[in-house]
C-alpha atoms as a PDB file:
ATOM      1  CA  MET A   1       8.198  36.175 -66.683  1.00  0.00           C
ATOM      2  CA  PHE A   2       6.408  33.520 -68.766  1.00  0.00           C
ATOM      3  CA  LYS A   3       3.358  31.674 -67.608  1.00  0.00           C
ATOM      4  CA  ARG A   4       4.210  28.384 -69.205  1.00  0.00           C
ATOM      5  CA  LEU A   5       7.523  26.941 -70.491  1.00  0.00           C
ATOM      6  CA  THR A   6       8.095  24.314 -73.193  1.00  0.00           C
ATOM      7  CA  VAL A   7      11.203  22.339 -73.705  1.00  0.00           C
ATOM      8  CA  LEU A   8      13.830  23.876 -76.016  1.00  0.00           C
ATOM      9  CA  ALA A   9      15.006  22.106 -79.230  1.00  0.00           C
ATOM     10  CA  ALA A  10      17.529  19.287 -78.799  1.00  0.00           C
ATOM     11  CA  ALA A  11      20.303  21.416 -80.450  1.00  0.00           C
ATOM     12  CA  ALA A  12      19.829  24.031 -77.814  1.00  0.00           C
ATOM     13  CA  LEU A  13      20.012  21.380 -75.110  1.00  0.00           C
ATOM     14  CA  ALA A  14      23.178  19.949 -76.599  1.00  0.00           C
ATOM     15  CA  LEU A  15      24.772  23.557 -76.301  1.00  0.00           C
ATOM     16  CA  ALA A  16      23.532  23.995 -72.718  1.00  0.00           C
ATOM     17  CA  ALA A  17      24.803  20.773 -71.305  1.00  0.00           C
ATOM     18  CA  VAL A  18      23.069  21.689 -68.066  1.00  0.00           C
ATOM     19  CA  VAL A  19      19.269  21.889 -67.657  1.00  0.00           C
ATOM     20  CA  PRO A  20      16.205  21.819 -70.088  1.00  0.00           C
ATOM     21  CA  ILE A  21      15.019  25.132 -70.537  1.00  0.00           C
ATOM     22  CA  HIS A  22      11.273  25.825 -71.064  1.00  0.00           C
ATOM     23  CA  ALA A  23       9.566  28.995 -72.460  1.00  0.00           C
ATOM     24  CA  GLU A  24       6.142  29.956 -73.614  1.00  0.00           C
ATOM     25  CA  ILE A  25       5.532  29.085 -77.080  1.00  0.00           C
ATOM     26  CA  LEU A  26       6.225  32.402 -79.062  1.00  0.00           C
ATOM     27  CA  GLU A  27       6.114  33.519 -82.559  1.00  0.00           C
ATOM     28  CA  GLN A  28       9.300  33.045 -84.619  1.00  0.00           C
ATOM     29  CA  VAL A  29      10.049  36.684 -84.878  1.00  0.00           C
ATOM     30  CA  LEU A  30      10.112  38.409 -81.341  1.00  0.00           C
ATOM     31  CA  VAL A  31      11.125  41.736 -82.335  1.00  0.00           C
ATOM     32  CA  LYS A  32      12.356  43.761 -85.283  1.00  0.00           C
ATOM     33  CA  VAL A  33      14.920  46.395 -84.991  1.00  0.00           C
ATOM     34  CA  ASN A  34      15.176  48.669 -88.084  1.00  0.00           C
ATOM     35  CA  GLY A  35      14.284  45.598 -90.076  1.00  0.00           C
ATOM     36  CA  ASP A  36      16.701  43.215 -88.453  1.00  0.00           C
ATOM     37  CA  ILE A  37      15.165  40.439 -86.261  1.00  0.00           C
ATOM     38  CA  VAL A  38      15.530  38.636 -83.022  1.00  0.00           C
ATOM     39  CA  THR A  39      14.015  35.158 -83.431  1.00  0.00           C
ATOM     40  CA  LYS A  40      12.553  32.755 -80.919  1.00  0.00           C
ATOM     41  CA  SER A  41      15.508  30.246 -81.461  1.00  0.00           C
ATOM     42  CA  GLU A  42      18.151  33.129 -81.040  1.00  0.00           C
ATOM     43  CA  PHE A  43      16.656  34.141 -77.894  1.00  0.00           C
ATOM     44  CA  GLU A  44      16.332  30.681 -76.347  1.00  0.00           C
ATOM     45  CA  GLN A  45      19.994  30.141 -77.414  1.00  0.00           C
ATOM     46  CA  ARG A  46      20.991  33.110 -75.410  1.00  0.00           C
ATOM     47  CA  GLN A  47      18.916  32.028 -72.440  1.00  0.00           C
ATOM     48  CA  VAL A  48      20.717  28.647 -72.494  1.00  0.00           C
ATOM     49  CA  THR A  49      24.068  30.215 -72.678  1.00  0.00           C
ATOM     50  CA  GLU A  50      23.247  32.474 -69.798  1.00  0.00           C
ATOM     51  CA  LEU A  51      21.839  29.739 -67.605  1.00  0.00           C
ATOM     52  CA  ARG A  52      25.010  27.727 -68.209  1.00  0.00           C
ATOM     53  CA  SER A  53      26.828  30.026 -66.027  1.00  0.00           C
ATOM     54  CA  LYS A  54      24.583  29.262 -63.123  1.00  0.00           C
ATOM     55  CA  PRO A  55      25.981  25.831 -61.473  1.00  0.00           C
ATOM     56  CA  ASN A  56      23.127  25.831 -58.853  1.00  0.00           C
ATOM     57  CA  LEU A  57      20.636  25.088 -61.753  1.00  0.00           C
ATOM     58  CA  ALA A  58      22.520  21.972 -62.941  1.00  0.00           C
ATOM     59  CA  ASN A  59      20.285  19.530 -61.517  1.00  0.00           C
ATOM     60  CA  VAL A  60      16.981  21.292 -61.267  1.00  0.00           C
ATOM     61  CA  SER A  61      13.834  19.878 -63.002  1.00  0.00           C
ATOM     62  CA  PRO A  62      12.140  21.713 -65.848  1.00  0.00           C
ATOM     63  CA  THR A  63       9.169  22.772 -63.647  1.00  0.00           C
ATOM     64  CA  SER A  64      11.255  23.732 -60.641  1.00  0.00           C
ATOM     65  CA  PRO A  65      10.456  27.208 -59.128  1.00  0.00           C
ATOM     66  CA  GLU A  66      14.251  27.736 -59.067  1.00  0.00           C
ATOM     67  CA  LEU A  67      14.567  27.385 -62.898  1.00  0.00           C
ATOM     68  CA  GLN A  68      11.514  29.556 -63.550  1.00  0.00           C
ATOM     69  CA  LYS A  69      12.821  32.231 -61.262  1.00  0.00           C
ATOM     70  CA  ALA A  70      16.253  32.330 -62.973  1.00  0.00           C
ATOM     71  CA  ILE A  71      14.588  32.652 -66.303  1.00  0.00           C
ATOM     72  CA  ALA A  72      12.454  35.536 -65.032  1.00  0.00           C
ATOM     73  CA  GLU A  73      15.509  37.224 -63.680  1.00  0.00           C
ATOM     74  CA  ILE A  74      17.707  36.998 -66.822  1.00  0.00           C
ATOM     75  CA  THR A  75      15.272  37.653 -69.340  1.00  0.00           C
ATOM     76  CA  PRO A  76      14.873  41.501 -68.984  1.00  0.00           C
ATOM     77  CA  ASP A  77      18.590  42.162 -69.321  1.00  0.00           C
ATOM     78  CA  LEU A  78      19.005  39.562 -71.876  1.00  0.00           C
ATOM     79  CA  ILE A  79      16.500  40.928 -74.487  1.00  0.00           C
ATOM     80  CA  LEU A  80      17.785  44.530 -73.767  1.00  0.00           C
ATOM     81  CA  ASP A  81      21.399  43.410 -74.458  1.00  0.00           C
ATOM     82  CA  MET A  82      20.202  41.669 -77.746  1.00  0.00           C
ATOM     83  CA  VAL A  83      18.463  44.784 -78.948  1.00  0.00           C
ATOM     84  CA  ASP A  84      21.592  46.927 -77.837  1.00  0.00           C
ATOM     85  CA  GLN A  85      23.790  44.701 -79.751  1.00  0.00           C
ATOM     86  CA  LEU A  86      21.651  44.796 -82.944  1.00  0.00           C
ATOM     87  CA  LEU A  87      21.806  48.701 -82.779  1.00  0.00           C
ATOM     88  CA  LEU A  88      25.602  48.700 -82.542  1.00  0.00           C
ATOM     89  CA  VAL A  89      26.081  46.021 -85.206  1.00  0.00           C
ATOM     90  CA  GLN A  90      23.743  48.147 -87.522  1.00  0.00           C
ATOM     91  CA  ARG A  91      25.852  51.342 -86.650  1.00  0.00           C
ATOM     92  CA  GLY A  92      29.009  49.566 -87.483  1.00  0.00           C
ATOM     93  CA  ARG A  93      27.659  48.463 -90.935  1.00  0.00           C
ATOM     94  CA  GLU A  94      26.517  51.927 -91.513  1.00  0.00           C
ATOM     95  CA  LEU A  95      30.075  53.274 -90.851  1.00  0.00           C
ATOM     96  CA  GLY A  96      31.379  50.655 -93.324  1.00  0.00           C
ATOM     97  CA  TYR A  97      33.134  48.324 -90.749  1.00  0.00           C
ATOM     98  CA  THR A  98      33.595  44.790 -91.922  1.00  0.00           C
ATOM     99  CA  LEU A  99      35.540  41.731 -90.684  1.00  0.00           C
ATOM    100  CA  THR A 100      38.165  40.730 -93.224  1.00  0.00           C
ATOM    101  CA  ASP A 101      39.119  37.121 -93.784  1.00  0.00           C
ATOM    102  CA  ASP A 102      42.486  37.739 -92.211  1.00  0.00           C
ATOM    103  CA  GLN A 103      40.956  39.379 -89.091  1.00  0.00           C
ATOM    104  CA  TYR A 104      38.514  36.362 -88.849  1.00  0.00           C
ATOM    105  CA  LYS A 105      41.367  33.913 -89.051  1.00  0.00           C
ATOM    106  CA  ASN A 106      43.402  35.728 -86.382  1.00  0.00           C
ATOM    107  CA  VAL A 107      40.256  35.659 -84.006  1.00  0.00           C
ATOM    108  CA  LEU A 108      39.682  31.951 -84.922  1.00  0.00           C
ATOM    109  CA  ASP A 109      43.291  31.003 -84.344  1.00  0.00           C
ATOM    110  CA  SER A 110      43.049  32.700 -80.914  1.00  0.00           C
ATOM    111  CA  ILE A 111      39.895  30.865 -79.949  1.00  0.00           C
ATOM    112  CA  LYS A 112      41.481  27.513 -80.998  1.00  0.00           C
ATOM    113  CA  LYS A 113      44.603  28.232 -79.062  1.00  0.00           C
ATOM    114  CA  GLN A 114      42.642  29.285 -75.851  1.00  0.00           C
ATOM    115  CA  ASN A 115      40.522  26.031 -76.065  1.00  0.00           C
ATOM    116  CA  LYS A 116      43.659  23.857 -76.995  1.00  0.00           C
ATOM    117  CA  ILE A 117      42.179  22.841 -80.407  1.00  0.00           C
ATOM    118  CA  ASP A 118      44.920  21.607 -82.598  1.00  0.00           C
ATOM    119  CA  THR A 119      43.252  19.778 -85.463  1.00  0.00           C
ATOM    120  CA  ASP A 120      40.431  20.477 -87.880  1.00  0.00           C
ATOM    121  CA  GLU A 121      38.761  17.335 -86.498  1.00  0.00           C
ATOM    122  CA  GLN A 122      38.742  18.823 -82.930  1.00  0.00           C
ATOM    123  CA  PHE A 123      37.364  22.053 -84.286  1.00  0.00           C
ATOM    124  CA  GLN A 124      34.587  20.270 -86.148  1.00  0.00           C
ATOM    125  CA  GLN A 125      33.727  18.283 -82.936  1.00  0.00           C
ATOM    126  CA  ALA A 126      33.702  21.470 -80.800  1.00  0.00           C
ATOM    127  CA  LEU A 127      31.392  23.051 -83.217  1.00  0.00           C
ATOM    128  CA  LYS A 128      29.093  20.062 -83.184  1.00  0.00           C
ATOM    129  CA  GLU A 129      28.940  19.983 -79.440  1.00  0.00           C
ATOM    130  CA  SER A 130      28.097  23.702 -79.166  1.00  0.00           C
ATOM    131  CA  GLY A 131      25.265  23.280 -81.758  1.00  0.00           C
ATOM    132  CA  MET A 132      26.872  25.749 -84.103  1.00  0.00           C
ATOM    133  CA  SER A 133      27.942  25.667 -87.707  1.00  0.00           C
ATOM    134  CA  ALA A 134      31.030  27.480 -89.060  1.00  0.00           C
ATOM    135  CA  THR A 135      28.889  29.995 -90.616  1.00  0.00           C
ATOM    136  CA  ASP A 136      27.177  30.640 -87.296  1.00  0.00           C
ATOM    137  CA  LEU A 137      30.508  31.050 -85.615  1.00  0.00           C
ATOM    138  CA  ARG A 138      31.704  33.567 -88.152  1.00  0.00           C
ATOM    139  CA  LYS A 139      28.453  35.620 -87.853  1.00  0.00           C
ATOM    140  CA  GLU A 140      29.028  35.659 -84.121  1.00  0.00           C
ATOM    141  CA  ILE A 141      32.638  36.684 -84.265  1.00  0.00           C
ATOM    142  CA  GLU A 142      31.649  39.354 -86.819  1.00  0.00           C
ATOM    143  CA  LYS A 143      28.949  40.711 -84.657  1.00  0.00           C
ATOM    144  CA  ASN A 144      31.088  40.984 -81.694  1.00  0.00           C
ATOM    145  CA  ALA A 145      34.005  42.701 -83.697  1.00  0.00           C
ATOM    146  CA  LEU A 146      31.578  45.239 -85.063  1.00  0.00           C
ATOM    147  CA  VAL A 147      30.194  46.025 -81.544  1.00  0.00           C
ATOM    148  CA  GLN A 148      33.746  46.461 -80.162  1.00  0.00           C
ATOM    149  CA  ARG A 149      34.819  48.614 -83.026  1.00  0.00           C
ATOM    150  CA  VAL A 150      31.780  51.030 -82.708  1.00  0.00           C
ATOM    151  CA  GLN A 151      32.166  51.164 -78.897  1.00  0.00           C
ATOM    152  CA  GLN A 152      35.868  52.050 -79.338  1.00  0.00           C
ATOM    153  CA  THR A 153      35.474  54.721 -82.125  1.00  0.00           C
ATOM    154  CA  ASP A 154      32.113  56.377 -81.278  1.00  0.00           C
ATOM    155  CA  VAL A 155      32.468  56.103 -77.498  1.00  0.00           C
ATOM    156  CA  MET A 156      35.804  55.360 -75.954  1.00  0.00           C
ATOM    157  CA  GLU A 157      38.001  57.609 -78.327  1.00  0.00           C
ATOM    158  CA  LYS A 158      35.683  60.454 -77.658  1.00  0.00           C
ATOM    159  CA  ILE A 159      35.992  60.326 -73.897  1.00  0.00           C
ATOM    160  CA  SER A 160      38.380  62.957 -72.407  1.00  0.00           C
ATOM    161  CA  VAL A 161      39.750  62.880 -68.831  1.00  0.00           C
ATOM    162  CA  THR A 162      40.815  65.892 -67.090  1.00  0.00           C
ATOM    163  CA  GLU A 163      43.524  66.614 -64.569  1.00  0.00           C
ATOM    164  CA  GLU A 164      40.986  67.458 -61.893  1.00  0.00           C
ATOM    165  CA  GLU A 165      39.059  64.114 -62.615  1.00  0.00           C
ATOM    166  CA  THR A 166      42.193  62.098 -62.063  1.00  0.00           C
ATOM    167  CA  ARG A 167      43.261  63.940 -58.926  1.00  0.00           C
ATOM    168  CA  THR A 168      39.747  63.648 -57.509  1.00  0.00           C
ATOM    169  CA  TYR A 169      39.713  59.976 -58.248  1.00  0.00           C
ATOM    170  CA  TYR A 170      43.222  59.434 -56.662  1.00  0.00           C
ATOM    171  CA  ASP A 171      42.211  61.232 -53.498  1.00  0.00           C
ATOM    172  CA  ALA A 172      39.126  59.048 -52.883  1.00  0.00           C
ATOM    173  CA  HIS A 173      40.638  55.806 -53.901  1.00  0.00           C
ATOM    174  CA  ARG A 174      44.156  55.812 -52.452  1.00  0.00           C
ATOM    175  CA  GLU A 175      43.676  52.182 -51.249  1.00  0.00           C
ATOM    176  CA  GLU A 176      43.735  51.074 -54.934  1.00  0.00           C
ATOM    177  CA  PHE A 177      47.247  52.437 -55.213  1.00  0.00           C
ATOM    178  CA  THR A 178      48.458  51.074 -51.866  1.00  0.00           C
ATOM    179  CA  THR A 179      50.499  47.906 -51.535  1.00  0.00           C
ATOM    180  CA  PRO A 180      50.071  46.686 -47.915  1.00  0.00           C
ATOM    181  CA  ALA A 181      52.968  45.432 -45.848  1.00  0.00           C
ATOM    182  CA  GLU A 182      53.601  41.648 -46.507  1.00  0.00           C
ATOM    183  CA  ILE A 183      55.726  38.982 -44.855  1.00  0.00           C
ATOM    184  CA  THR A 184      56.983  35.682 -45.909  1.00  0.00           C
ATOM    185  CA  LEU A 185      57.570  32.969 -43.423  1.00  0.00           C
ATOM    186  CA  ARG A 186      58.873  29.634 -43.113  1.00  0.00           C
ATOM    187  CA  GLU A 187      57.221  27.144 -40.521  1.00  0.00           C
ATOM    188  CA  ILE A 188      57.819  23.912 -38.836  1.00  0.00           C
ATOM    189  CA  PHE A 189      54.838  22.238 -37.272  1.00  0.00           C
ATOM    190  CA  ILE A 190      55.149  19.230 -34.778  1.00  0.00           C
ATOM    191  CA  GLN A 191      52.032  17.484 -34.395  1.00  0.00           C
ATOM    192  CA  VAL A 192      50.830  16.083 -31.011  1.00  0.00           C
ATOM    193  CA  PRO A 193      49.278  12.683 -31.474  1.00  0.00           C
ATOM    194  CA  GLN A 194      45.673  12.309 -30.170  1.00  0.00           C
ATOM    195  CA  ASP A 195      43.446   9.419 -29.506  1.00  0.00           C
ATOM    196  CA  GLU A 196      39.668   8.986 -28.677  1.00  0.00           C
ATOM    197  CA  ARG A 197      40.427  10.308 -25.248  1.00  0.00           C
ATOM    198  CA  GLY A 198      42.202  13.427 -26.476  1.00  0.00           C
ATOM    199  CA  VAL A 199      45.775  14.512 -25.922  1.00  0.00           C
ATOM    200  CA  ASN A 200      48.213  12.302 -23.972  1.00  0.00           C
ATOM    201  CA  VAL A 201      50.277  14.330 -21.631  1.00  0.00           C
ATOM    202  CA  ALA A 202      53.353  12.227 -22.382  1.00  0.00           C
ATOM    203  CA  ALA A 203      52.813  12.599 -26.119  1.00  0.00           C
ATOM    204  CA  ASP A 204      52.411  16.355 -25.725  1.00  0.00           C
ATOM    205  CA  ASP A 205      55.747  16.530 -23.696  1.00  0.00           C
ATOM    206  CA  ALA A 206      57.433  14.478 -26.271  1.00  0.00           C
ATOM    207  CA  ALA A 207      56.352  16.744 -29.122  1.00  0.00           C
ATOM    208  CA  LYS A 208      57.319  19.874 -27.196  1.00  0.00           C
ATOM    209  CA  GLU A 209      60.847  18.324 -26.696  1.00  0.00           C
ATOM    210  CA  LYS A 210      61.099  17.609 -30.264  1.00  0.00           C
ATOM    211  CA  ALA A 211      60.202  21.119 -31.264  1.00  0.00           C
ATOM    212  CA  ASP A 212      62.706  22.491 -28.784  1.00  0.00           C
ATOM    213  CA  SER A 213      65.349  20.311 -30.280  1.00  0.00           C
ATOM    214  CA  ILE A 214      64.665  21.323 -33.946  1.00  0.00           C
ATOM    215  CA  ARG A 215      64.655  25.101 -32.842  1.00  0.00           C
ATOM    216  CA  ASN A 216      68.102  24.632 -31.289  1.00  0.00           C
ATOM    217  CA  ARG A 217      69.347  23.012 -34.402  1.00  0.00           C
ATOM    218  CA  ALA A 218      68.004  25.916 -36.501  1.00  0.00           C
ATOM    219  CA  LEU A 219      69.668  28.396 -34.134  1.00  0.00           C
ATOM    220  CA  ALA A 220      72.979  26.506 -34.322  1.00  0.00           C
ATOM    221  CA  GLY A 221      72.917  27.112 -38.192  1.00  0.00           C
ATOM    222  CA  GLU A 222      71.251  24.146 -39.800  1.00  0.00           C
ATOM    223  CA  PRO A 223      69.032  25.269 -42.683  1.00  0.00           C
ATOM    224  CA  PHE A 224      65.582  26.000 -41.661  1.00  0.00           C
ATOM    225  CA  ALA A 225      64.097  24.800 -45.005  1.00  0.00           C
ATOM    226  CA  ARG A 226      65.897  21.395 -44.670  1.00  0.00           C
ATOM    227  CA  LEU A 227      64.554  20.981 -41.007  1.00  0.00           C
ATOM    228  CA  ALA A 228      60.959  21.749 -42.173  1.00  0.00           C
ATOM    229  CA  VAL A 229      61.328  18.954 -44.757  1.00  0.00           C
ATOM    230  CA  GLU A 230      62.771  16.507 -42.323  1.00  0.00           C
ATOM    231  CA  ALA A 231      60.388  17.118 -39.282  1.00  0.00           C
ATOM    232  CA  SER A 232      57.302  19.213 -40.128  1.00  0.00           C
ATOM    233  CA  ALA A 233      53.853  17.767 -40.354  1.00  0.00           C
ATOM    234  CA  SER A 234      52.459  20.866 -42.307  1.00  0.00           C
ATOM    235  CA  PRO A 235      51.755  20.534 -45.984  1.00  0.00           C
ATOM    236  CA  SER A 236      54.176  23.465 -46.413  1.00  0.00           C
ATOM    237  CA  LYS A 237      57.010  20.932 -45.755  1.00  0.00           C
ATOM    238  CA  SER A 238      57.138  20.039 -49.550  1.00  0.00           C
ATOM    239  CA  ASN A 239      58.316  23.584 -50.184  1.00  0.00           C
ATOM    240  CA  GLY A 240      60.742  23.913 -47.260  1.00  0.00           C
ATOM    241  CA  GLY A 241      58.080  25.298 -44.912  1.00  0.00           C
ATOM    242  CA  LEU A 242      57.622  28.342 -47.047  1.00  0.00           C
ATOM    243  CA  VAL A 243      54.489  30.373 -46.291  1.00  0.00           C
ATOM    244  CA  GLY A 244      53.527  33.542 -48.075  1.00  0.00           C
ATOM    245  CA  PRO A 245      53.619  36.266 -49.005  1.00  0.00           C
ATOM    246  CA  ILE A 246      51.051  37.147 -46.489  1.00  0.00           C
ATOM    247  CA  LYS A 247      49.536  40.632 -45.705  1.00  0.00           C
ATOM    248  CA  GLU A 248      50.328  41.603 -42.232  1.00  0.00           C
ATOM    249  CA  GLN A 249      46.930  42.970 -41.762  1.00  0.00           C
ATOM    250  CA  GLU A 250      45.579  39.365 -42.374  1.00  0.00           C
ATOM    251  CA  LEU A 251      47.531  38.010 -39.410  1.00  0.00           C
ATOM    252  CA  ALA A 252      45.858  37.191 -36.087  1.00  0.00           C
ATOM    253  CA  PRO A 253      46.693  39.884 -33.569  1.00  0.00           C
ATOM    254  CA  ALA A 254      48.593  37.663 -31.220  1.00  0.00           C
ATOM    255  CA  LEU A 255      50.738  36.346 -34.092  1.00  0.00           C
ATOM    256  CA  GLN A 256      51.285  40.026 -35.439  1.00  0.00           C
ATOM    257  CA  GLU A 257      52.571  40.977 -32.213  1.00  0.00           C
ATOM    258  CA  ILE A 258      55.212  38.175 -32.307  1.00  0.00           C
ATOM    259  CA  ILE A 259      56.180  38.962 -35.940  1.00  0.00           C
ATOM    260  CA  ASP A 260      56.496  42.768 -35.235  1.00  0.00           C
ATOM    261  CA  LYS A 261      59.305  42.014 -32.926  1.00  0.00           C
ATOM    262  CA  MET A 262      61.259  39.985 -35.493  1.00  0.00           C
ATOM    263  CA  LYS A 263      63.544  40.909 -38.302  1.00  0.00           C
ATOM    264  CA  PRO A 264      64.305  38.832 -41.303  1.00  0.00           C
ATOM    265  CA  GLY A 265      66.302  35.809 -40.400  1.00  0.00           C
ATOM    266  CA  ASP A 266      64.979  35.607 -36.831  1.00  0.00           C
ATOM    267  CA  ILE A 267      63.421  32.418 -35.404  1.00  0.00           C
ATOM    268  CA  SER A 268      60.530  32.491 -33.070  1.00  0.00           C
ATOM    269  CA  GLU A 269      60.130  30.545 -29.924  1.00  0.00           C
ATOM    270  CA  VAL A 270      58.222  27.267 -29.932  1.00  0.00           C
ATOM    271  CA  MET A 271      54.693  28.179 -29.826  1.00  0.00           C
ATOM    272  CA  ARG A 272      51.705  25.999 -28.779  1.00  0.00           C
ATOM    273  CA  VAL A 273      49.095  26.114 -31.368  1.00  0.00           C
ATOM    274  CA  PRO A 274      45.974  23.785 -32.011  1.00  0.00           C
ATOM    275  CA  ARG A 275      47.201  20.216 -32.567  1.00  0.00           C
ATOM    276  CA  GLY A 276      50.746  20.803 -31.837  1.00  0.00           C
ATOM    277  CA  TYR A 277      53.769  23.055 -31.688  1.00  0.00           C
ATOM    278  CA  GLN A 278      55.028  25.595 -34.323  1.00  0.00           C
ATOM    279  CA  ILE A 279      58.276  27.338 -34.993  1.00  0.00           C
ATOM    280  CA  LEU A 280      58.509  30.289 -37.400  1.00  0.00           C
ATOM    281  CA  ARG A 281      61.384  31.900 -39.399  1.00  0.00           C
ATOM    282  CA  LEU A 282      60.785  35.389 -40.870  1.00  0.00           C
ATOM    283  CA  GLU A 283      62.065  35.189 -44.251  1.00  0.00           C
ATOM    284  CA  SER A 284      61.236  38.783 -45.544  1.00  0.00           C
ATOM    285  CA  ARG A 285      59.085  41.812 -44.804  1.00  0.00           C
ATOM    286  CA  SER A 286      58.028  44.462 -47.180  1.00  0.00           C
ATOM    287  CA  ALA A 287      56.792  47.866 -46.048  1.00  0.00           C
ATOM    288  CA  THR A 288      53.377  49.524 -46.997  1.00  0.00           C
ATOM    289  CA  LYS A 289      53.889  51.390 -50.213  1.00  0.00           C
ATOM    290  CA  ILE A 290      51.635  53.982 -51.762  1.00  0.00           C
ATOM    291  CA  ARG A 291      52.111  54.845 -55.255  1.00  0.00           C
ATOM    292  CA  THR A 292      52.391  58.748 -55.740  1.00  0.00           C
ATOM    293  CA  TYR A 293      49.871  60.469 -57.994  1.00  0.00           C
ATOM    294  CA  ASP A 294      52.496  60.859 -60.814  1.00  0.00           C
ATOM    295  CA  GLU A 295      53.439  57.140 -60.507  1.00  0.00           C
ATOM    296  CA  ALA A 296      49.832  56.137 -60.810  1.00  0.00           C
ATOM    297  CA  ARG A 297      48.730  58.687 -63.402  1.00  0.00           C
ATOM    298  CA  ASP A 298      48.257  56.328 -66.361  1.00  0.00           C
ATOM    299  CA  ASP A 299      46.300  53.813 -64.352  1.00  0.00           C
ATOM    300  CA  ILE A 300      44.111  56.516 -62.903  1.00  0.00           C
ATOM    301  CA  SER A 301      43.331  57.907 -66.331  1.00  0.00           C
ATOM    302  CA  ARG A 302      42.325  54.568 -67.563  1.00  0.00           C
ATOM    303  CA  LYS A 303      40.117  53.851 -64.485  1.00  0.00           C
ATOM    304  CA  VAL A 304      38.449  57.237 -64.915  1.00  0.00           C
ATOM    305  CA  ALA A 305      37.958  56.498 -68.655  1.00  0.00           C
ATOM    306  CA  GLN A 306      36.558  53.113 -67.891  1.00  0.00           C
ATOM    307  CA  ASN A 307      34.122  54.612 -65.388  1.00  0.00           C
ATOM    308  CA  LYS A 308      32.857  57.354 -67.811  1.00  0.00           C
ATOM    309  CA  SER A 309      32.631  54.876 -70.727  1.00  0.00           C
ATOM    310  CA  GLN A 310      29.720  53.016 -69.255  1.00  0.00           C
ATOM    311  CA  GLY A 311      27.657  56.051 -68.812  1.00  0.00           C
ATOM    312  CA  GLU A 312      28.725  57.335 -72.195  1.00  0.00           C
ATOM    313  CA  LEU A 313      27.788  54.056 -73.834  1.00  0.00           C
ATOM    314  CA  MET A 314      24.348  54.149 -72.210  1.00  0.00           C
ATOM    315  CA  LYS A 315      23.743  57.628 -73.583  1.00  0.00           C
ATOM    316  CA  TYR A 316      25.066  56.561 -77.070  1.00  0.00           C
ATOM    317  CA  LEU A 317      22.672  53.537 -77.080  1.00  0.00           C
ATOM    318  CA  GLU A 318      19.837  55.766 -75.976  1.00  0.00           C
ATOM    319  CA  ARG A 319      20.324  57.985 -79.035  1.00  0.00           C
ATOM    320  CA  LEU A 320      20.462  54.969 -81.302  1.00  0.00           C
ATOM    321  CA  ARG A 321      17.144  53.689 -79.813  1.00  0.00           C
ATOM    322  CA  GLY A 322      15.687  57.062 -80.237  1.00  0.00           C
ATOM    323  CA  GLU A 323      16.535  56.988 -83.955  1.00  0.00           C
ATOM    324  CA  ALA A 324      15.490  53.310 -84.505  1.00  0.00           C
ATOM    325  CA  THR A 325      12.334  51.719 -85.393  1.00  0.00           C
ATOM    326  CA  ILE A 326      11.664  48.829 -83.061  1.00  0.00           C
ATOM    327  CA  VAL A 327       8.487  46.716 -83.610  1.00  0.00           C
ATOM    328  CA  TRP A 328       7.715  44.134 -80.974  1.00  0.00           C
ATOM    329  CA  ARG A 329       5.807  40.882 -81.836  1.00  0.00           C
ATOM    330  CA  ASN A 330       5.632  39.626 -78.155  1.00  0.00           C
ATOM    331  CA  ASP A 331       3.979  41.622 -75.439  1.00  0.00           C
ATOM    332  CA  GLU A 332       5.570  39.723 -72.598  1.00  0.00           C
ATOM    333  CA  LEU A 333       9.128  40.205 -73.870  1.00  0.00           C
ATOM    334  CA  LYS A 334       8.420  43.935 -74.445  1.00  0.00           C
ATOM    335  CA  LYS A 335       7.449  44.212 -70.780  1.00  0.00           C
ATOM    336  CA  ALA A 336      10.594  42.535 -69.881  1.00  0.00           C
ATOM    337  CA  TYR A 337      12.650  45.034 -72.143  1.00  0.00           C
ATOM    338  CA  ASP A 338      10.883  48.025 -70.699  1.00  0.00           C
ATOM    339  CA  LEU A 339      11.563  46.842 -67.145  1.00  0.00           C
ATOM    340  CA  ALA A 340      15.359  46.460 -68.015  1.00  0.00           C
ATOM    341  CA  LEU A 341      15.400  49.880 -69.657  1.00  0.00           C
ATOM    342  CA  GLN A 342      13.759  51.612 -66.739  1.00  0.00           C
ATOM    343  CA  LYS A 343      16.414  49.904 -64.339  1.00  0.00           C
ATOM    344  CA  ARG A 344      19.198  51.138 -66.626  1.00  0.00           C
ATOM    345  CA  GLU A 345      17.871  54.681 -66.726  1.00  0.00           C
ATOM    346  CA  LYS A 346      17.762  54.856 -62.889  1.00  0.00           C
ATOM    347  CA  GLU A 347      21.269  53.579 -62.638  1.00  0.00           C
ATOM    348  CA  LEU A 348      22.542  56.150 -65.174  1.00  0.00           C
ATOM    349  CA  ALA A 349      20.654  58.894 -63.302  1.00  0.00           C
ATOM    350  CA  GLY A 350      22.235  57.737 -60.052  1.00  0.00           C
ATOM    351  CA  GLN A 351      25.681  57.810 -61.663  1.00  0.00           C
ATOM    352  CA  GLN A 352      25.133  61.280 -63.035  1.00  0.00           C
ATOM    353  CA  GLY A 353      23.928  62.500 -59.648  1.00  0.00           C
ATOM    354  CA  ALA A 354      26.804  61.033 -57.740  1.00  0.00           C
END
């Protein structure tokens, strides 16, 4: 998107902890939305945060085509998202929404808990490593809280879901409400030693004889799990040979044919497998279960509402944009914004036409 890229500030690099990000030298203010601004440093910070989620860029050079391509790809959606967020935050303030001290403390406590931060020293160090101040963090938390509340009250709570919509969704997506048949097995694997010349016939015979002996002991009543711990060469031996649950449809056809003939508690014949011999015990089997419409009604309503919410949110943002005064200070970034907006409008039109 940008012709030439310059190194971001050291604070941004500290936050990124991945790659140096370059961008064309821009004016400090990139765009004004109803008087609120998006600055160059704010936008670069968002670029860094976004690129941190791309591990394939961790070791690329500042001038690499991969990095410049990644920046060009993320820039349109990024600037559109920042403008959208400003519009939603402004709407929240217009409605009188605020983040109280108690609400901020609750969110902050949750963040600390999720990141295992137990002391104020650890918190201050985390802020330093992220390149943020406590004031920056509070502003970010407040913006997110306002955005979420506006989306909930002005969009989500106004979405209605009809009986016809839920039944149509259920009929078209029954697989989402189907629990496939599953089995749980225990295994014992006896490995056949190999050398540079391959499998030794005598070693193969000895392994088969050992497997037959273990199977006979299991049939005689010795606990299969204990035999697995004693003799199996499979990693599952540490758990008594337990494997699963496994969806039956994921089994190889030959193995599924064998399992289909077994009932819980049955022990298979000794089977030749790559690298050795295997014995299986069927522990349990669950049948395929399809939730009825009535059983799944609440989940269906939530799914339909979620699907509708994206389209309704886009319409809501379109209205806010139509009422807003947006003044661009950078032509290249405006082109990126327009590109993302056109893409979104096409997606919305496609959803409405589906």
